[in-house]
């Protein structure tokens, strides 16, 4: 989704879904830390 790679589904509720994800690295470096 955009610049984020979805790693796994954390939760699914009435308002939406929450994923464990990480920012996809650009040509300048490594991926950033994990995010929800």
ModelCIF file with pLDDT and N, C-alpha, C, O atoms, coordinates in Angstrom:
data_MODEL
#
_entry.id   MODEL 
#
_entity.id                         1 
_entity.type                       polymer 
_entity.pdbx_number_of_molecules   1 
#
_entity_poly.entity_id                      1 
_entity_poly.type                           'polypeptide(L)' 
_entity_poly.nstd_linkage                   no 
_entity_poly.nstd_monomer                   no 
_entity_poly.pdbx_seq_one_letter_code       
;(UNK)(UNK)(UNK)(UNK)(UNK)(UNK)(UNK)(UNK)(UNK)(UNK)(UNK)(UNK)(UNK)(UNK)(UNK)(UNK)
(UNK)(UNK)(UNK)(UNK)(UNK)(UNK)(UNK)(UNK)(UNK)(UNK)(UNK)(UNK)(UNK)(UNK)(UNK)(UNK)
(UNK)(UNK)(UNK)(UNK)
;
_entity_poly.pdbx_seq_one_letter_code_can   XXXXXXXXXXXXXXXXXXXXXXXXXXXXXXXXXXXX 
_entity_poly.pdbx_strand_id                 A 
#
loop_
_entity_poly_seq.entity_id 
_entity_poly_seq.num 
_entity_poly_seq.mon_id 
_entity_poly_seq.hetero 
1 1  UNK n 
1 2  UNK n 
1 3  UNK n 
1 4  UNK n 
1 5  UNK n 
1 6  UNK n 
1 7  UNK n 
1 8  UNK n 
1 9  UNK n 
1 10 UNK n 
1 11 UNK n 
1 12 UNK n 
1 13 UNK n 
1 14 UNK n 
1 15 UNK n 
1 16 UNK n 
1 17 UNK n 
1 18 UNK n 
1 19 UNK n 
1 20 UNK n 
1 21 UNK n 
1 22 UNK n 
1 23 UNK n 
1 24 UNK n 
1 25 UNK n 
1 26 UNK n 
1 27 UNK n 
1 28 UNK n 
1 29 UNK n 
1 30 UNK n 
1 31 UNK n 
1 32 UNK n 
1 33 UNK n 
1 34 UNK n 
1 35 UNK n 
1 36 UNK n 
#
_struct_asym.id          A 
_struct_asym.entity_id   1 
#
loop_
_ma_qa_metric.id 
_ma_qa_metric.mode 
_ma_qa_metric.name 
_ma_qa_metric.software_group_id 
_ma_qa_metric.type 
1 global pLDDT . pLDDT 
2 local  pLDDT . pLDDT 
#
_ma_qa_metric_global.metric_id      1 
_ma_qa_metric_global.metric_value   82.83 
_ma_qa_metric_global.model_id       1 
_ma_qa_metric_global.ordinal_id     1 
#
loop_
_ma_qa_metric_local.label_asym_id 
_ma_qa_metric_local.label_comp_id 
_ma_qa_metric_local.label_seq_id 
_ma_qa_metric_local.metric_id 
_ma_qa_metric_local.metric_value 
_ma_qa_metric_local.model_id 
_ma_qa_metric_local.ordinal_id 
A UNK 1  2 89.00 1 1  
A UNK 2  2 87.00 1 2  
A UNK 3  2 86.00 1 3  
A UNK 4  2 89.00 1 4  
A UNK 5  2 90.00 1 5  
A UNK 6  2 93.00 1 6  
A UNK 7  2 93.00 1 7  
A UNK 8  2 94.00 1 8  
A UNK 9  2 95.00 1 9  
A UNK 10 2 94.00 1 10 
A UNK 11 2 94.00 1 11 
A UNK 12 2 93.00 1 12 
A UNK 13 2 88.00 1 13 
A UNK 14 2 81.00 1 14 
A UNK 15 2 79.00 1 15 
A UNK 16 2 85.00 1 16 
A UNK 17 2 91.00 1 17 
A UNK 18 2 93.00 1 18 
A UNK 19 2 94.00 1 19 
A UNK 20 2 93.00 1 20 
A UNK 21 2 92.00 1 21 
A UNK 22 2 88.00 1 22 
A UNK 23 2 85.00 1 23 
A UNK 24 2 83.00 1 24 
A UNK 25 2 68.00 1 25 
A UNK 26 2 61.00 1 26 
A UNK 27 2 59.00 1 27 
A UNK 28 2 61.00 1 28 
A UNK 29 2 56.00 1 29 
A UNK 30 2 61.00 1 30 
A UNK 31 2 61.00 1 31 
A UNK 32 2 73.00 1 32 
A UNK 33 2 74.00 1 33 
A UNK 34 2 85.00 1 34 
A UNK 35 2 86.00 1 35 
A UNK 36 2 88.00 1 36 
#
loop_
_atom_site.group_PDB 
_atom_site.id 
_atom_site.type_symbol 
_atom_site.label_atom_id 
_atom_site.label_alt_id 
_atom_site.label_comp_id 
_atom_site.label_asym_id 
_atom_site.label_entity_id 
_atom_site.label_seq_id 
_atom_site.pdbx_PDB_ins_code 
_atom_site.Cartn_x 
_atom_site.Cartn_y 
_atom_site.Cartn_z 
_atom_site.occupancy 
_atom_site.B_iso_or_equiv 
_atom_site.pdbx_formal_charge 
_atom_site.auth_seq_id 
_atom_site.auth_comp_id 
_atom_site.auth_asym_id 
_atom_site.auth_atom_id 
_atom_site.pdbx_PDB_model_num 
ATOM 1   N N  . UNK A 1 1  ? 0.889   -1.159  0.000  1.00 89.00 ? 1  UNK A N  1 
ATOM 2   C CA . UNK A 1 1  ? 0.000   0.000   0.000  1.00 89.00 ? 1  UNK A CA 1 
ATOM 3   C C  . UNK A 1 1  ? 0.921   1.200   0.000  1.00 89.00 ? 1  UNK A C  1 
ATOM 4   O O  . UNK A 1 1  ? 1.618   1.467   0.979  1.00 89.00 ? 1  UNK A O  1 
ATOM 5   N N  . UNK A 1 2  ? 0.917   1.921   -1.110 1.00 87.00 ? 2  UNK A N  1 
ATOM 6   C CA . UNK A 1 2  ? 1.828   3.046   -1.239 1.00 87.00 ? 2  UNK A CA 1 
ATOM 7   C C  . UNK A 1 2  ? 3.258   2.570   -1.084 1.00 87.00 ? 2  UNK A C  1 
ATOM 8   O O  . UNK A 1 2  ? 3.688   1.651   -1.781 1.00 87.00 ? 2  UNK A O  1 
ATOM 9   N N  . UNK A 1 3  ? 3.994   3.185   -0.178 1.00 86.00 ? 3  UNK A N  1 
ATOM 10  C CA . UNK A 1 3  ? 5.400   2.832   0.055  1.00 86.00 ? 3  UNK A CA 1 
ATOM 11  C C  . UNK A 1 3  ? 5.575   1.810   1.176  1.00 86.00 ? 3  UNK A C  1 
ATOM 12  O O  . UNK A 1 3  ? 6.686   1.621   1.672  1.00 86.00 ? 3  UNK A O  1 
ATOM 13  N N  . UNK A 1 4  ? 4.491   1.150   1.580  1.00 89.00 ? 4  UNK A N  1 
ATOM 14  C CA . UNK A 1 4  ? 4.553   0.200   2.684  1.00 89.00 ? 4  UNK A CA 1 
ATOM 15  C C  . UNK A 1 4  ? 4.292   -1.220  2.202  1.00 89.00 ? 4  UNK A C  1 
ATOM 16  O O  . UNK A 1 4  ? 3.357   -1.474  1.442  1.00 89.00 ? 4  UNK A O  1 
ATOM 17  N N  . UNK A 1 5  ? 5.134   -2.135  2.657  1.00 90.00 ? 5  UNK A N  1 
ATOM 18  C CA . UNK A 1 5  ? 4.984   -3.547  2.359  1.00 90.00 ? 5  UNK A CA 1 
ATOM 19  C C  . UNK A 1 5  ? 4.244   -4.193  3.525  1.00 90.00 ? 5  UNK A C  1 
ATOM 20  O O  . UNK A 1 5  ? 4.684   -4.096  4.670  1.00 90.00 ? 5  UNK A O  1 
ATOM 21  N N  . UNK A 1 6  ? 3.113   -4.857  3.237  1.00 93.00 ? 6  UNK A N  1 
ATOM 22  C CA . UNK A 1 6  ? 2.318   -5.500  4.283  1.00 93.00 ? 6  UNK A CA 1 
ATOM 23  C C  . UNK A 1 6  ? 2.930   -6.848  4.621  1.00 93.00 ? 6  UNK A C  1 
ATOM 24  O O  . UNK A 1 6  ? 3.113   -7.696  3.748  1.00 93.00 ? 6  UNK A O  1 
ATOM 25  N N  . UNK A 1 7  ? 3.244   -7.040  5.901  1.00 93.00 ? 7  UNK A N  1 
ATOM 26  C CA . UNK A 1 7  ? 3.891   -8.275  6.338  1.00 93.00 ? 7  UNK A CA 1 
ATOM 27  C C  . UNK A 1 7  ? 2.894   -9.282  6.893  1.00 93.00 ? 7  UNK A C  1 
ATOM 28  O O  . UNK A 1 7  ? 2.982   -10.475 6.604  1.00 93.00 ? 7  UNK A O  1 
ATOM 29  N N  . UNK A 1 8  ? 1.938   -8.797  7.697  1.00 94.00 ? 8  UNK A N  1 
ATOM 30  C CA . UNK A 1 8  ? 0.916   -9.693  8.232  1.00 94.00 ? 8  UNK A CA 1 
ATOM 31  C C  . UNK A 1 8  ? -0.252  -8.890  8.781  1.00 94.00 ? 8  UNK A C  1 
ATOM 32  O O  . UNK A 1 8  ? -0.093  -7.738  9.186  1.00 94.00 ? 8  UNK A O  1 
ATOM 33  N N  . UNK A 1 9  ? -1.422  -9.509  8.790  1.00 95.00 ? 9  UNK A N  1 
ATOM 34  C CA . UNK A 1 9  ? -2.618  -8.900  9.350  1.00 95.00 ? 9  UNK A CA 1 
ATOM 35  C C  . UNK A 1 9  ? -2.572  -9.030  10.868 1.00 95.00 ? 9  UNK A C  1 
ATOM 36  O O  . UNK A 1 9  ? -2.430  -10.132 11.397 1.00 95.00 ? 9  UNK A O  1 
ATOM 37  N N  . UNK A 1 10 ? -2.693  -7.906  11.566 1.00 94.00 ? 10 UNK A N  1 
ATOM 38  C CA . UNK A 1 10 ? -2.678  -7.918  13.029 1.00 94.00 ? 10 UNK A CA 1 
ATOM 39  C C  . UNK A 1 10 ? -4.095  -7.997  13.575 1.00 94.00 ? 10 UNK A C  1 
ATOM 40  O O  . UNK A 1 10 ? -4.367  -8.742  14.518 1.00 94.00 ? 10 UNK A O  1 
ATOM 41  N N  . UNK A 1 11 ? -5.009  -7.214  12.968 1.00 94.00 ? 11 UNK A N  1 
ATOM 42  C CA . UNK A 1 11 ? -6.386  -7.197  13.446 1.00 94.00 ? 11 UNK A CA 1 
ATOM 43  C C  . UNK A 1 11 ? -7.348  -6.740  12.367 1.00 94.00 ? 11 UNK A C  1 
ATOM 44  O O  . UNK A 1 11 ? -6.964  -6.058  11.418 1.00 94.00 ? 11 UNK A O  1 
ATOM 45  N N  . UNK A 1 12 ? -8.617  -7.131  12.529 1.00 93.00 ? 12 UNK A N  1 
ATOM 46  C CA . UNK A 1 12 ? -9.656  -6.778  11.569 1.00 93.00 ? 12 UNK A CA 1 
ATOM 47  C C  . UNK A 1 12 ? -10.910 -6.436  12.359 1.00 93.00 ? 12 UNK A C  1 
ATOM 48  O O  . UNK A 1 12 ? -11.436 -7.268  13.098 1.00 93.00 ? 12 UNK A O  1 
ATOM 49  N N  . UNK A 1 13 ? -11.387 -5.199  12.197 1.00 88.00 ? 13 UNK A N  1 
ATOM 50  C CA . UNK A 1 13 ? -12.556 -4.764  12.939 1.00 88.00 ? 13 UNK A CA 1 
ATOM 51  C C  . UNK A 1 13 ? -13.517 -3.979  12.069 1.00 88.00 ? 13 UNK A C  1 
ATOM 52  O O  . UNK A 1 13 ? -13.365 -3.924  10.849 1.00 88.00 ? 13 UNK A O  1 
ATOM 53  N N  . UNK A 1 14 ? -14.505 -3.375  12.702 1.00 81.00 ? 14 UNK A N  1 
ATOM 54  C CA . UNK A 1 14 ? -15.545 -2.642  11.986 1.00 81.00 ? 14 UNK A CA 1 
ATOM 55  C C  . UNK A 1 14 ? -14.995 -1.418  11.257 1.00 81.00 ? 14 UNK A C  1 
ATOM 56  O O  . UNK A 1 14 ? -15.490 -1.067  10.186 1.00 81.00 ? 14 UNK A O  1 
ATOM 57  N N  . UNK A 1 15 ? -13.978 -0.765  11.822 1.00 79.00 ? 15 UNK A N  1 
ATOM 58  C CA . UNK A 1 15 ? -13.437 0.451   11.214 1.00 79.00 ? 15 UNK A CA 1 
ATOM 59  C C  . UNK A 1 15 ? -12.368 0.175   10.161 1.00 79.00 ? 15 UNK A C  1 
ATOM 60  O O  . UNK A 1 15 ? -12.086 1.041   9.332  1.00 79.00 ? 15 UNK A O  1 
ATOM 61  N N  . UNK A 1 16 ? -11.773 -1.006  10.178 1.00 85.00 ? 16 UNK A N  1 
ATOM 62  C CA . UNK A 1 16 ? -10.735 -1.309  9.196  1.00 85.00 ? 16 UNK A CA 1 
ATOM 63  C C  . UNK A 1 16 ? -9.832  -2.433  9.644  1.00 85.00 ? 16 UNK A C  1 
ATOM 64  O O  . UNK A 1 16 ? -10.126 -3.157  10.596 1.00 85.00 ? 16 UNK A O  1 
ATOM 65  N N  . UNK A 1 17 ? -8.719  -2.565  8.933  1.00 91.00 ? 17 UNK A N  1 
ATOM 66  C CA . UNK A 1 17 ? -7.735  -3.603  9.232  1.00 91.00 ? 17 UNK A CA 1 
ATOM 67  C C  . UNK A 1 17 ? -6.424  -2.961  9.657  1.00 91.00 ? 17 UNK A C  1 
ATOM 68  O O  . UNK A 1 17 ? -6.078  -1.870  9.204  1.00 91.00 ? 17 UNK A O  1 
ATOM 69  N N  . UNK A 1 18 ? -5.692  -3.656  10.543 1.00 93.00 ? 18 UNK A N  1 
ATOM 70  C CA . UNK A 1 18 ? -4.383  -3.198  10.985 1.00 93.00 ? 18 UNK A CA 1 
ATOM 71  C C  . UNK A 1 18 ? -3.359  -4.244  10.559 1.00 93.00 ? 18 UNK A C  1 
ATOM 72  O O  . UNK A 1 18 ? -3.511  -5.437  10.820 1.00 93.00 ? 18 UNK A O  1 
ATOM 73  N N  . UNK A 1 19 ? -2.307  -3.757  9.893  1.00 94.00 ? 19 UNK A N  1 
ATOM 74  C CA . UNK A 1 19 ? -1.259  -4.635  9.393  1.00 94.00 ? 19 UNK A CA 1 
ATOM 75  C C  . UNK A 1 19 ? 0.085   -4.310  10.031 1.00 94.00 ? 19 UNK A C  1 
ATOM 76  O O  . UNK A 1 19 ? 0.366   -3.157  10.358 1.00 94.00 ? 19 UNK A O  1 
ATOM 77  N N  . UNK A 1 20 ? 0.897   -5.320  10.200 1.00 93.00 ? 20 UNK A N  1 
ATOM 78  C CA . UNK A 1 20 ? 2.314   -5.126  10.482 1.00 93.00 ? 20 UNK A CA 1 
ATOM 79  C C  . UNK A 1 20 ? 2.929   -4.843  9.123  1.00 93.00 ? 20 UNK A C  1 
ATOM 80  O O  . UNK A 1 20 ? 2.739   -5.617  8.184  1.00 93.00 ? 20 UNK A O  1 
ATOM 81  N N  . UNK A 1 21 ? 3.673   -3.731  9.002  1.00 92.00 ? 21 UNK A N  1 
ATOM 82  C CA . UNK A 1 21 ? 4.216   -3.330  7.702  1.00 92.00 ? 21 UNK A CA 1 
ATOM 83  C C  . UNK A 1 21 ? 5.587   -2.693  7.888  1.00 92.00 ? 21 UNK A C  1 
ATOM 84  O O  . UNK A 1 21 ? 6.017   -2.414  9.007  1.00 92.00 ? 21 UNK A O  1 
ATOM 85  N N  . UNK A 1 22 ? 6.262   -2.471  6.765  1.00 88.00 ? 22 UNK A N  1 
ATOM 86  C CA . UNK A 1 22 ? 7.529   -1.743  6.805  1.00 88.00 ? 22 UNK A CA 1 
ATOM 87  C C  . UNK A 1 22 ? 7.610   -0.857  5.574  1.00 88.00 ? 22 UNK A C  1 
ATOM 88  O O  . UNK A 1 22 ? 7.050   -1.163  4.522  1.00 88.00 ? 22 UNK A O  1 
ATOM 89  N N  . UNK A 1 23 ? 8.314   0.234   5.735  1.00 85.00 ? 23 UNK A N  1 
ATOM 90  C CA . UNK A 1 23 ? 8.516   1.166   4.635  1.00 85.00 ? 23 UNK A CA 1 
ATOM 91  C C  . UNK A 1 23 ? 9.481   0.523   3.648  1.00 85.00 ? 23 UNK A C  1 
ATOM 92  O O  . UNK A 1 23 ? 10.517  -0.012  4.043  1.00 85.00 ? 23 UNK A O  1 
ATOM 93  N N  . UNK A 1 24 ? 9.142   0.577   2.374  1.00 83.00 ? 24 UNK A N  1 
ATOM 94  C CA . UNK A 1 24 ? 9.992   -0.013  1.343  1.00 83.00 ? 24 UNK A CA 1 
ATOM 95  C C  . UNK A 1 24 ? 11.160  0.926   1.085  1.00 83.00 ? 24 UNK A C  1 
ATOM 96  O O  . UNK A 1 24 ? 10.978  2.128   0.891  1.00 83.00 ? 24 UNK A O  1 
ATOM 97  N N  . UNK A 1 25 ? 12.334  0.371   1.087  1.00 68.00 ? 25 UNK A N  1 
ATOM 98  C CA . UNK A 1 25 ? 13.546  1.180   0.920  1.00 68.00 ? 25 UNK A CA 1 
ATOM 99  C C  . UNK A 1 25 ? 13.620  1.759   -0.485 1.00 68.00 ? 25 UNK A C  1 
ATOM 100 O O  . UNK A 1 25 ? 13.277  1.109   -1.472 1.00 68.00 ? 25 UNK A O  1 
ATOM 101 N N  . UNK A 1 26 ? 14.073  2.985   -0.539 1.00 61.00 ? 26 UNK A N  1 
ATOM 102 C CA . UNK A 1 26 ? 14.359  3.603   -1.820 1.00 61.00 ? 26 UNK A CA 1 
ATOM 103 C C  . UNK A 1 26 ? 15.781  3.246   -2.217 1.00 61.00 ? 26 UNK A C  1 
ATOM 104 O O  . UNK A 1 26 ? 16.417  2.430   -1.550 1.00 61.00 ? 26 UNK A O  1 
ATOM 105 N N  . UNK A 1 27 ? 16.291  3.834   -3.282 1.00 59.00 ? 27 UNK A N  1 
ATOM 106 C CA . UNK A 1 27 ? 17.645  3.510   -3.729 1.00 59.00 ? 27 UNK A CA 1 
ATOM 107 C C  . UNK A 1 27 ? 18.723  3.955   -2.743 1.00 59.00 ? 27 UNK A C  1 
ATOM 108 O O  . UNK A 1 27 ? 19.875  3.536   -2.853 1.00 59.00 ? 27 UNK A O  1 
ATOM 109 N N  . UNK A 1 28 ? 18.352  4.806   -1.776 1.00 61.00 ? 28 UNK A N  1 
ATOM 110 C CA . UNK A 1 28 ? 19.348  5.353   -0.858 1.00 61.00 ? 28 UNK A CA 1 
ATOM 111 C C  . UNK A 1 28 ? 19.583  4.538   0.411  1.00 61.00 ? 28 UNK A C  1 
ATOM 112 O O  . UNK A 1 28 ? 20.496  4.860   1.171  1.00 61.00 ? 28 UNK A O  1 
ATOM 113 N N  . UNK A 1 29 ? 18.787  3.487   0.670  1.00 56.00 ? 29 UNK A N  1 
ATOM 114 C CA . UNK A 1 29 ? 19.061  2.789   1.919  1.00 56.00 ? 29 UNK A CA 1 
ATOM 115 C C  . UNK A 1 29 ? 18.167  1.607   2.202  1.00 56.00 ? 29 UNK A C  1 
ATOM 116 O O  . UNK A 1 29 ? 17.382  1.170   1.360  1.00 56.00 ? 29 UNK A O  1 
ATOM 117 N N  . UNK A 1 30 ? 18.310  1.099   3.421  1.00 61.00 ? 30 UNK A N  1 
ATOM 118 C CA . UNK A 1 30 ? 17.561  -0.062  3.882  1.00 61.00 ? 30 UNK A CA 1 
ATOM 119 C C  . UNK A 1 30 ? 16.142  0.324   4.288  1.00 61.00 ? 30 UNK A C  1 
ATOM 120 O O  . UNK A 1 30 ? 15.847  1.500   4.501  1.00 61.00 ? 30 UNK A O  1 
ATOM 121 N N  . UNK A 1 31 ? 15.254  -0.688  4.394  1.00 61.00 ? 31 UNK A N  1 
ATOM 122 C CA . UNK A 1 31 ? 13.898  -0.404  4.871  1.00 61.00 ? 31 UNK A CA 1 
ATOM 123 C C  . UNK A 1 31 ? 13.923  0.186   6.276  1.00 61.00 ? 31 UNK A C  1 
ATOM 124 O O  . UNK A 1 31 ? 14.805  -0.124  7.077  1.00 61.00 ? 31 UNK A O  1 
ATOM 125 N N  . UNK A 1 32 ? 12.958  1.026   6.560  1.00 73.00 ? 32 UNK A N  1 
ATOM 126 C CA . UNK A 1 32 ? 12.855  1.617   7.889  1.00 73.00 ? 32 UNK A CA 1 
ATOM 127 C C  . UNK A 1 32 ? 12.274  0.597   8.854  1.00 73.00 ? 32 UNK A C  1 
ATOM 128 O O  . UNK A 1 32 ? 11.954  -0.531  8.480  1.00 73.00 ? 32 UNK A O  1 
ATOM 129 N N  . UNK A 1 33 ? 12.146  1.026   10.117 1.00 74.00 ? 33 UNK A N  1 
ATOM 130 C CA . UNK A 1 33 ? 11.633  0.123   11.137 1.00 74.00 ? 33 UNK A CA 1 
ATOM 131 C C  . UNK A 1 33 ? 10.198  -0.294  10.845 1.00 74.00 ? 33 UNK A C  1 
ATOM 132 O O  . UNK A 1 33 ? 9.529   0.296   9.996  1.00 74.00 ? 33 UNK A O  1 
ATOM 133 N N  . UNK A 1 34 ? 9.740   -1.303  11.548 1.00 85.00 ? 34 UNK A N  1 
ATOM 134 C CA . UNK A 1 34 ? 8.388   -1.817  11.377 1.00 85.00 ? 34 UNK A CA 1 
ATOM 135 C C  . UNK A 1 34 ? 7.364   -0.822  11.910 1.00 85.00 ? 34 UNK A C  1 
ATOM 136 O O  . UNK A 1 34 ? 7.641   -0.062  12.838 1.00 85.00 ? 34 UNK A O  1 
ATOM 137 N N  . UNK A 1 35 ? 6.175   -0.839  11.307 1.00 86.00 ? 35 UNK A N  1 
ATOM 138 C CA . UNK A 1 35 ? 5.088   0.045   11.713 1.00 86.00 ? 35 UNK A CA 1 
ATOM 139 C C  . UNK A 1 35 ? 3.788   -0.746  11.761 1.00 86.00 ? 35 UNK A C  1 
ATOM 140 O O  . UNK A 1 35 ? 3.689   -1.838  11.201 1.00 86.00 ? 35 UNK A O  1 
ATOM 141 N N  . UNK A 1 36 ? 2.798   -0.182  12.435 1.00 88.00 ? 36 UNK A N  1 
ATOM 142 C CA . UNK A 1 36 ? 1.425   -0.685  12.365 1.00 88.00 ? 36 UNK A CA 1 
ATOM 143 C C  . UNK A 1 36 ? 0.698   0.244   11.404 1.00 88.00 ? 36 UNK A C  1 
ATOM 144 O O  . UNK A 1 36 ? -0.492  0.059   11.149 1.00 88.00 ? 36 UNK A O  1 
#
